[in-house]
Amino acid sequence: MSRVLSFCLAALVVLLAAAAEKTLDAQYFIWNGDQVGCLLFEVLWKATERGVRVRLYNPLPHRGSRALGYMTDFGRLNRRMHNKSFTVDNQASVVGGRNIANEYFGAGRQNYFAEIR
């Protein structure tokens, strides 16, 4: 059941991106260059070709050398940004705990995450 939910969520994000007319805002902590990451990147690229303004936010590159401080300060590590959101035309949003990577959507060889009920 969790694999079906994962694929449905991935399909919803792709369909929303394909339907975007004006803006598309994506905020994720992890975005891998695997099947899921490349598929969503391709959909976003096509949206820009249609004239959609696409904004991606990932806080890690903005941290610079401060990221090294996480190695010894576990309290701060647990307070890092966990927000994930995908908003289309300021009308529809998908929010939650999934990053953009195979393992979060059950698309890889192993399924590392499962839905908790």
Protein backbone atom coordinates (compact mmCIF):
# COMPACT_ATOMS: atom_id res chain seq x y z
CA MET A 1 0.00 0.00 0.00
CA SER A 2 2.80 2.47 0.82
CA ARG A 3 4.32 1.99 -2.66
CA VAL A 4 0.97 2.86 -4.26
CA LEU A 5 0.69 6.00 -2.10
CA SER A 6 4.24 6.98 -3.01
CA PHE A 7 3.59 6.67 -6.73
CA CYS A 8 0.31 8.59 -6.39
CA LEU A 9 2.07 11.45 -4.61
CA ALA A 10 4.81 11.54 -7.25
CA ALA A 11 2.20 11.52 -10.01
CA LEU A 12 0.30 14.35 -8.32
CA VAL A 13 3.42 16.54 -8.15
CA VAL A 14 4.24 15.84 -11.82
CA LEU A 15 0.65 16.55 -12.92
CA LEU A 16 0.55 19.79 -10.93
CA ALA A 17 3.83 20.90 -12.48
CA ALA A 18 2.57 20.06 -15.96
CA ALA A 19 -0.59 22.12 -15.30
CA ALA A 20 1.26 25.20 -13.99
CA GLU A 21 0.45 28.37 -15.90
CA LYS A 22 2.21 31.19 -14.02
CA THR A 23 4.38 30.14 -11.08
CA LEU A 24 5.88 27.05 -9.55
CA ASP A 25 7.68 27.14 -6.18
CA ALA A 26 9.53 24.10 -4.85
CA GLN A 27 11.27 23.86 -1.46
CA TYR A 28 13.16 20.67 -0.61
CA PHE A 29 16.13 19.79 1.57
CA ILE A 30 17.27 16.83 -0.57
CA TRP A 31 16.98 16.64 -4.36
CA ASN A 32 18.92 13.72 -5.83
CA GLY A 33 19.93 13.28 -9.45
CA ASP A 34 18.24 9.87 -9.67
CA GLN A 35 15.09 8.80 -11.58
CA VAL A 36 12.66 10.82 -9.44
CA GLY A 37 14.90 13.90 -9.31
CA CYS A 38 15.55 13.88 -13.06
CA LEU A 39 11.86 13.33 -13.90
CA LEU A 40 10.75 16.28 -11.79
CA PHE A 41 13.60 18.45 -13.06
CA GLU A 42 12.53 17.70 -16.65
CA VAL A 43 8.93 18.66 -15.86
CA LEU A 44 10.12 21.91 -14.25
CA TRP A 45 12.34 22.66 -17.24
CA LYS A 46 9.39 22.18 -19.59
CA ALA A 47 7.36 24.54 -17.41
CA THR A 48 10.00 27.25 -17.85
CA GLU A 49 9.84 26.72 -21.60
CA ARG A 50 6.08 27.43 -21.38
CA GLY A 51 6.85 30.71 -19.61
CA VAL A 52 6.16 29.53 -16.05
CA ARG A 53 8.34 31.23 -13.39
CA VAL A 54 10.02 28.39 -11.48
CA ARG A 55 11.69 29.06 -8.13
CA LEU A 56 13.65 26.36 -6.31
CA TYR A 57 14.72 26.73 -2.70
CA ASN A 58 17.27 24.55 -0.95
CA PRO A 59 18.81 26.02 2.21
CA LEU A 60 22.00 23.95 2.22
CA PRO A 61 24.02 25.92 -0.37
CA HIS A 62 23.36 29.14 1.58
CA ARG A 63 24.94 27.79 4.75
CA GLY A 64 28.50 27.64 3.49
CA SER A 65 31.03 26.77 6.22
CA ARG A 66 28.31 26.79 8.88
CA ALA A 67 27.33 23.33 7.62
CA LEU A 68 30.52 21.99 9.22
CA GLY A 69 29.19 23.10 12.62
CA TYR A 70 26.46 20.45 12.34
CA MET A 71 29.06 17.72 12.79
CA THR A 72 29.54 18.57 16.46
CA ASP A 73 26.32 20.39 17.37
CA PHE A 74 23.61 17.74 17.26
CA GLY A 75 21.01 20.05 18.80
CA ARG A 76 21.35 22.41 15.85
CA LEU A 77 21.35 19.47 13.44
CA ASN A 78 17.86 18.52 14.61
CA ARG A 79 16.61 22.08 14.09
CA ARG A 80 17.63 22.25 10.44
CA MET A 81 15.02 22.99 7.79
CA HIS A 82 12.69 20.05 7.20
CA ASN A 83 10.01 21.95 5.28
CA LYS A 84 9.02 20.54 1.93
CA SER A 85 6.53 22.21 -0.34
CA PHE A 86 5.50 22.30 -3.97
CA THR A 87 3.16 25.17 -4.89
CA VAL A 88 1.62 25.75 -8.31
CA ASP A 89 0.15 29.09 -9.36
CA ASN A 90 -0.35 30.01 -5.69
CA GLN A 91 -3.44 27.80 -5.86
CA ALA A 92 -2.42 24.23 -5.04
CA SER A 93 0.30 22.96 -2.71
CA VAL A 94 1.72 19.62 -1.72
CA VAL A 95 3.43 19.83 1.67
CA GLY A 96 4.98 17.14 3.79
CA GLY A 97 7.99 15.09 4.57
CA ARG A 98 9.09 13.75 1.20
CA ASN A 99 12.32 14.88 -0.39
CA ILE A 100 12.97 14.42 -4.11
CA ALA A 101 14.77 11.09 -4.40
CA ASN A 102 14.01 7.51 -5.40
CA GLU A 103 14.00 6.23 -1.84
CA TYR A 104 11.26 8.65 -0.79
CA PHE A 105 8.91 7.48 -3.54
CA GLY A 106 9.71 3.76 -3.65
CA ALA A 107 11.25 4.09 -7.11
CA GLY A 108 14.69 2.68 -6.28
CA ARG A 109 15.79 -0.87 -5.64
CA GLN A 110 15.13 -0.51 -1.93
CA ASN A 111 12.23 1.15 -0.17
CA TYR A 112 13.73 2.92 2.84
CA PHE A 113 10.57 4.71 3.97
CA ALA A 114 7.02 3.56 4.63
CA GLU A 115 3.76 5.26 5.49
CA ILE A 116 2.89 5.22 9.20
CA ARG A 117 -0.75 4.93 10.08
